[in-house]
């Protein structure tokens, strides 16, 4: 159980979460009647696929990306806590993609939650990534931050 959240496992979780995010945003894109929301959901759907490919490449070339020598202890407990929360988020995304949302506003709030979890998780994963390869992950983290901004702007528009 101690290795359940190894860097490889975190990458597998990230791949699955990005796949589920794509499904979620695709479902939201089809269901919304708001043109602004539809554009944002379509954009996020495409971004999730790009991120999935990035994480798959990292997993396929794990030796080129991951640091195995890090100090065990506190950081290991931290990454376990972060990844454990992200597994919950992944399960919740699957459920929400099937159930749907009562309103665009509720969907946007959930998207904001997912993007925040992504930023937190990928930032924690960064500590496992070789310094010269961190730019790849930094790009994904920056894009997730951009998604958060887009969703916050959309939320403001929908609330008006």
C-alpha atoms as a PDB file:
ATOM      1  CA  UNK A   1       0.000   0.000   0.000  1.00  0.00           C
ATOM      2  CA  UNK A   2       2.925   2.349   0.590  1.00  0.00           C
ATOM      3  CA  UNK A   3       3.733   2.545  -3.147  1.00  0.00           C
ATOM      4  CA  UNK A   4       0.165   3.070  -4.323  1.00  0.00           C
ATOM      5  CA  UNK A   5       0.929   6.713  -5.075  1.00  0.00           C
ATOM      6  CA  UNK A   6       4.297   6.308  -6.742  1.00  0.00           C
ATOM      7  CA  UNK A   7       5.070   8.794  -9.521  1.00  0.00           C
ATOM      8  CA  UNK A   8       3.912   6.202 -12.058  1.00  0.00           C
ATOM      9  CA  UNK A   9       0.611   5.758 -10.267  1.00  0.00           C
ATOM     10  CA  UNK A  10       0.099   9.505 -10.032  1.00  0.00           C
ATOM     11  CA  UNK A  11       0.678   9.749 -13.787  1.00  0.00           C
ATOM     12  CA  UNK A  12      -1.864   6.956 -14.370  1.00  0.00           C
ATOM     13  CA  UNK A  13      -4.351   8.803 -12.166  1.00  0.00           C
ATOM     14  CA  UNK A  14      -3.654  12.043 -14.063  1.00  0.00           C
ATOM     15  CA  UNK A  15      -4.279  10.279 -17.394  1.00  0.00           C
ATOM     16  CA  UNK A  16      -7.568   8.873 -16.141  1.00  0.00           C
ATOM     17  CA  UNK A  17      -8.641  12.216 -14.691  1.00  0.00           C
ATOM     18  CA  UNK A  18      -7.882  13.979 -17.971  1.00  0.00           C
ATOM     19  CA  UNK A  19      -9.908  11.318 -19.840  1.00  0.00           C
ATOM     20  CA  UNK A  20     -12.829  11.820 -17.461  1.00  0.00           C
ATOM     21  CA  UNK A  21     -12.459  15.589 -17.707  1.00  0.00           C
ATOM     22  CA  UNK A  22     -12.728  15.345 -21.473  1.00  0.00           C
ATOM     23  CA  UNK A  23     -15.914  13.256 -21.148  1.00  0.00           C
ATOM     24  CA  UNK A  24     -17.339  15.676 -18.597  1.00  0.00           C
ATOM     25  CA  UNK A  25     -16.626  18.794 -20.650  1.00  0.00           C
ATOM     26  CA  UNK A  26     -17.931  17.076 -23.783  1.00  0.00           C
ATOM     27  CA  UNK A  27     -21.212  16.250 -22.010  1.00  0.00           C
ATOM     28  CA  UNK A  28     -21.478  19.822 -20.706  1.00  0.00           C
ATOM     29  CA  UNK A  29     -20.779  21.216 -24.180  1.00  0.00           C
ATOM     30  CA  UNK A  30     -23.686  19.199 -25.588  1.00  0.00           C
ATOM     31  CA  UNK A  31     -26.133  20.053 -22.799  1.00  0.00           C
ATOM     32  CA  UNK A  32     -25.693  23.797 -22.363  1.00  0.00           C
ATOM     33  CA  UNK A  33     -27.838  26.340 -24.142  1.00  0.00           C
ATOM     34  CA  UNK A  34     -25.417  29.170 -23.329  1.00  0.00           C
ATOM     35  CA  UNK A  35     -23.073  29.933 -26.250  1.00  0.00           C
ATOM     36  CA  UNK A  36     -20.319  31.319 -23.995  1.00  0.00           C
ATOM     37  CA  UNK A  37     -20.428  28.199 -21.849  1.00  0.00           C
ATOM     38  CA  UNK A  38     -20.423  25.953 -24.941  1.00  0.00           C
ATOM     39  CA  UNK A  39     -17.240  27.625 -26.213  1.00  0.00           C
ATOM     40  CA  UNK A  40     -15.515  27.220 -22.854  1.00  0.00           C
ATOM     41  CA  UNK A  41     -16.565  23.565 -22.510  1.00  0.00           C
ATOM     42  CA  UNK A  42     -15.329  22.812 -26.062  1.00  0.00           C
ATOM     43  CA  UNK A  43     -12.002  24.495 -25.345  1.00  0.00           C
ATOM     44  CA  UNK A  44     -11.564  22.644 -22.039  1.00  0.00           C
ATOM     45  CA  UNK A  45     -12.486  19.332 -23.683  1.00  0.00           C
ATOM     46  CA  UNK A  46      -9.692  19.790 -26.236  1.00  0.00           C
ATOM     47  CA  UNK A  47      -7.248  20.850 -23.532  1.00  0.00           C
ATOM     48  CA  UNK A  48      -7.984  17.729 -21.474  1.00  0.00           C
ATOM     49  CA  UNK A  49      -6.997  15.565 -24.459  1.00  0.00           C
ATOM     50  CA  UNK A  50      -3.727  17.472 -24.882  1.00  0.00           C
ATOM     51  CA  UNK A  51      -2.956  17.036 -21.185  1.00  0.00           C
ATOM     52  CA  UNK A  52      -3.777  13.317 -21.350  1.00  0.00           C
ATOM     53  CA  UNK A  53      -1.255  12.956 -24.169  1.00  0.00           C
ATOM     54  CA  UNK A  54       1.366  14.873 -22.181  1.00  0.00           C
ATOM     55  CA  UNK A  55       0.938  12.612 -19.138  1.00  0.00           C
ATOM     56  CA  UNK A  56       0.891   9.483 -21.319  1.00  0.00           C
ATOM     57  CA  UNK A  57       4.186  10.573 -22.880  1.00  0.00           C
ATOM     58  CA  UNK A  58       5.641  11.138 -19.415  1.00  0.00           C
ATOM     59  CA  UNK A  59       4.496   7.676 -18.333  1.00  0.00           C
ATOM     60  CA  UNK A  60       5.789   6.040 -21.529  1.00  0.00           C
ATOM     61  CA  UNK A  61       9.173   7.686 -20.963  1.00  0.00           C
ATOM     62  CA  UNK A  62       9.159   7.551 -17.170  1.00  0.00           C
ATOM     63  CA  UNK A  63      12.943   7.230 -16.853  1.00  0.00           C
ATOM     64  CA  UNK A  64      13.386  10.494 -18.735  1.00  0.00           C
ATOM     65  CA  UNK A  65      11.078  12.406 -16.385  1.00  0.00           C
ATOM     66  CA  UNK A  66      10.958  11.048 -12.871  1.00  0.00           C
ATOM     67  CA  UNK A  67      13.364  11.462  -9.977  1.00  0.00           C
ATOM     68  CA  UNK A  68      13.538   8.392  -7.802  1.00  0.00           C
ATOM     69  CA  UNK A  69      15.885   9.786  -5.173  1.00  0.00           C
ATOM     70  CA  UNK A  70      13.871  12.075  -2.951  1.00  0.00           C
ATOM     71  CA  UNK A  71      13.696  12.362   0.789  1.00  0.00           C
ATOM     72  CA  UNK A  72      11.056  10.003   2.169  1.00  0.00           C
ATOM     73  CA  UNK A  73       8.924  11.019   5.104  1.00  0.00           C
ATOM     74  CA  UNK A  74       6.866  14.177   5.224  1.00  0.00           C
ATOM     75  CA  UNK A  75       6.754  14.750   1.471  1.00  0.00           C
ATOM     76  CA  UNK A  76       5.717  11.158   0.857  1.00  0.00           C
ATOM     77  CA  UNK A  77       2.796  11.596   3.291  1.00  0.00           C
ATOM     78  CA  UNK A  78       1.900  14.873   1.560  1.00  0.00           C
ATOM     79  CA  UNK A  79       1.838  13.311  -1.904  1.00  0.00           C
ATOM     80  CA  UNK A  80      -0.283  10.436  -0.581  1.00  0.00           C
ATOM     81  CA  UNK A  81      -2.808  12.912   0.823  1.00  0.00           C
ATOM     82  CA  UNK A  82      -2.900  14.946  -2.393  1.00  0.00           C
ATOM     83  CA  UNK A  83      -3.209  11.914  -4.672  1.00  0.00           C
ATOM     84  CA  UNK A  84      -5.843  10.369  -2.416  1.00  0.00           C
ATOM     85  CA  UNK A  85      -7.953  13.495  -2.772  1.00  0.00           C
ATOM     86  CA  UNK A  86      -7.475  13.418  -6.513  1.00  0.00           C
ATOM     87  CA  UNK A  87      -8.702   9.824  -6.731  1.00  0.00           C
ATOM     88  CA  UNK A  88     -11.878  11.060  -5.028  1.00  0.00           C
ATOM     89  CA  UNK A  89     -12.136  13.868  -7.573  1.00  0.00           C
ATOM     90  CA  UNK A  90     -11.721  11.402 -10.430  1.00  0.00           C
ATOM     91  CA  UNK A  91     -14.569   9.227  -9.106  1.00  0.00           C
ATOM     92  CA  UNK A  92     -16.721  12.307  -8.597  1.00  0.00           C
ATOM     93  CA  UNK A  93     -16.042  13.443 -12.174  1.00  0.00           C
ATOM     94  CA  UNK A  94     -17.252  10.097 -13.533  1.00  0.00           C
ATOM     95  CA  UNK A  95     -20.393  10.347 -11.434  1.00  0.00           C
ATOM     96  CA  UNK A  96     -21.111  13.957 -12.415  1.00  0.00           C
ATOM     97  CA  UNK A  97     -20.549  13.231 -16.115  1.00  0.00           C
ATOM     98  CA  UNK A  98     -23.284  10.583 -15.891  1.00  0.00           C
ATOM     99  CA  UNK A  99     -25.693  12.464 -13.594  1.00  0.00           C
ATOM    100  CA  UNK A 100     -25.311  15.950 -14.999  1.00  0.00           C
ATOM    101  CA  UNK A 101     -25.874  19.250 -13.221  1.00  0.00           C
ATOM    102  CA  UNK A 102     -28.930  21.242 -12.223  1.00  0.00           C
ATOM    103  CA  UNK A 103     -27.601  24.396 -13.908  1.00  0.00           C
ATOM    104  CA  UNK A 104     -24.716  25.841 -15.873  1.00  0.00           C
ATOM    105  CA  UNK A 105     -23.629  27.627 -12.698  1.00  0.00           C
ATOM    106  CA  UNK A 106     -23.396  24.350 -10.779  1.00  0.00           C
ATOM    107  CA  UNK A 107     -21.381  22.829 -13.659  1.00  0.00           C
ATOM    108  CA  UNK A 108     -19.033  25.815 -13.692  1.00  0.00           C
ATOM    109  CA  UNK A 109     -18.494  25.576  -9.928  1.00  0.00           C
ATOM    110  CA  UNK A 110     -17.639  21.910 -10.325  1.00  0.00           C
ATOM    111  CA  UNK A 111     -15.230  22.741 -13.164  1.00  0.00           C
ATOM    112  CA  UNK A 112     -13.548  25.298 -10.903  1.00  0.00           C
ATOM    113  CA  UNK A 113     -13.188  22.656  -8.187  1.00  0.00           C
ATOM    114  CA  UNK A 114     -11.655  20.154 -10.643  1.00  0.00           C
ATOM    115  CA  UNK A 115      -9.183  22.697 -12.015  1.00  0.00           C
ATOM    116  CA  UNK A 116      -8.069  23.664  -8.490  1.00  0.00           C
ATOM    117  CA  UNK A 117      -7.526  19.994  -7.628  1.00  0.00           C
ATOM    118  CA  UNK A 118      -5.534  19.547 -10.838  1.00  0.00           C
ATOM    119  CA  UNK A 119      -3.264  22.484 -10.016  1.00  0.00           C
ATOM    120  CA  UNK A 120      -2.658  21.172  -6.514  1.00  0.00           C
ATOM    121  CA  UNK A 121      -1.973  17.605  -7.653  1.00  0.00           C
ATOM    122  CA  UNK A 122       0.258  18.473 -10.590  1.00  0.00           C
ATOM    123  CA  UNK A 123       2.187  20.940  -8.440  1.00  0.00           C
ATOM    124  CA  UNK A 124       2.851  18.129  -5.951  1.00  0.00           C
ATOM    125  CA  UNK A 125       3.886  15.774  -8.767  1.00  0.00           C
ATOM    126  CA  UNK A 126       6.383  18.403  -9.914  1.00  0.00           C
ATOM    127  CA  UNK A 127       8.702  17.461  -7.043  1.00  0.00           C
ATOM    128  CA  UNK A 128       9.146  14.027  -8.653  1.00  0.00           C
ATOM    129  CA  UNK A 129      10.015  15.413 -12.076  1.00  0.00           C
ATOM    130  CA  UNK A 130      13.612  15.940 -13.175  1.00  0.00           C
ATOM    131  CA  UNK A 131      14.486  19.639 -13.117  1.00  0.00           C
ATOM    132  CA  UNK A 132      15.238  19.749 -16.839  1.00  0.00           C
ATOM    133  CA  UNK A 133      11.807  18.226 -17.592  1.00  0.00           C
ATOM    134  CA  UNK A 134       9.749  20.352 -15.217  1.00  0.00           C
ATOM    135  CA  UNK A 135       8.888  22.799 -18.001  1.00  0.00           C
ATOM    136  CA  UNK A 136       6.598  20.149 -19.519  1.00  0.00           C
ATOM    137  CA  UNK A 137       4.620  19.868 -16.296  1.00  0.00           C
ATOM    138  CA  UNK A 138       4.818  23.611 -15.665  1.00  0.00           C
ATOM    139  CA  UNK A 139       3.091  24.176 -19.006  1.00  0.00           C
ATOM    140  CA  UNK A 140       0.222  21.885 -17.971  1.00  0.00           C
ATOM    141  CA  UNK A 141      -0.034  23.613 -14.575  1.00  0.00           C
ATOM    142  CA  UNK A 142      -0.119  27.031 -16.277  1.00  0.00           C
ATOM    143  CA  UNK A 143      -2.850  25.808 -18.634  1.00  0.00           C
ATOM    144  CA  UNK A 144      -4.867  24.518 -15.664  1.00  0.00           C
ATOM    145  CA  UNK A 145      -4.526  27.960 -14.070  1.00  0.00           C
ATOM    146  CA  UNK A 146      -5.746  29.493 -17.325  1.00  0.00           C
ATOM    147  CA  UNK A 147      -8.744  27.121 -17.260  1.00  0.00           C
ATOM    148  CA  UNK A 148      -9.518  28.298 -13.742  1.00  0.00           C
ATOM    149  CA  UNK A 149      -9.489  31.916 -14.930  1.00  0.00           C
ATOM    150  CA  UNK A 150     -11.737  31.111 -17.930  1.00  0.00           C
ATOM    151  CA  UNK A 151     -14.224  29.324 -15.685  1.00  0.00           C
ATOM    152  CA  UNK A 152     -14.235  32.181 -13.173  1.00  0.00           C
ATOM    153  CA  UNK A 153     -14.930  34.690 -15.968  1.00  0.00           C
ATOM    154  CA  UNK A 154     -17.667  32.419 -17.326  1.00  0.00           C
ATOM    155  CA  UNK A 155     -19.178  32.149 -13.861  1.00  0.00           C
ATOM    156  CA  UNK A 156     -19.365  35.938 -13.633  1.00  0.00           C
ATOM    157  CA  UNK A 157     -21.080  36.114 -17.031  1.00  0.00           C
ATOM    158  CA  UNK A 158     -23.597  33.381 -16.173  1.00  0.00           C
ATOM    159  CA  UNK A 159     -24.458  34.973 -12.822  1.00  0.00           C
ATOM    160  CA  UNK A 160     -25.471  38.265 -14.525  1.00  0.00           C
END
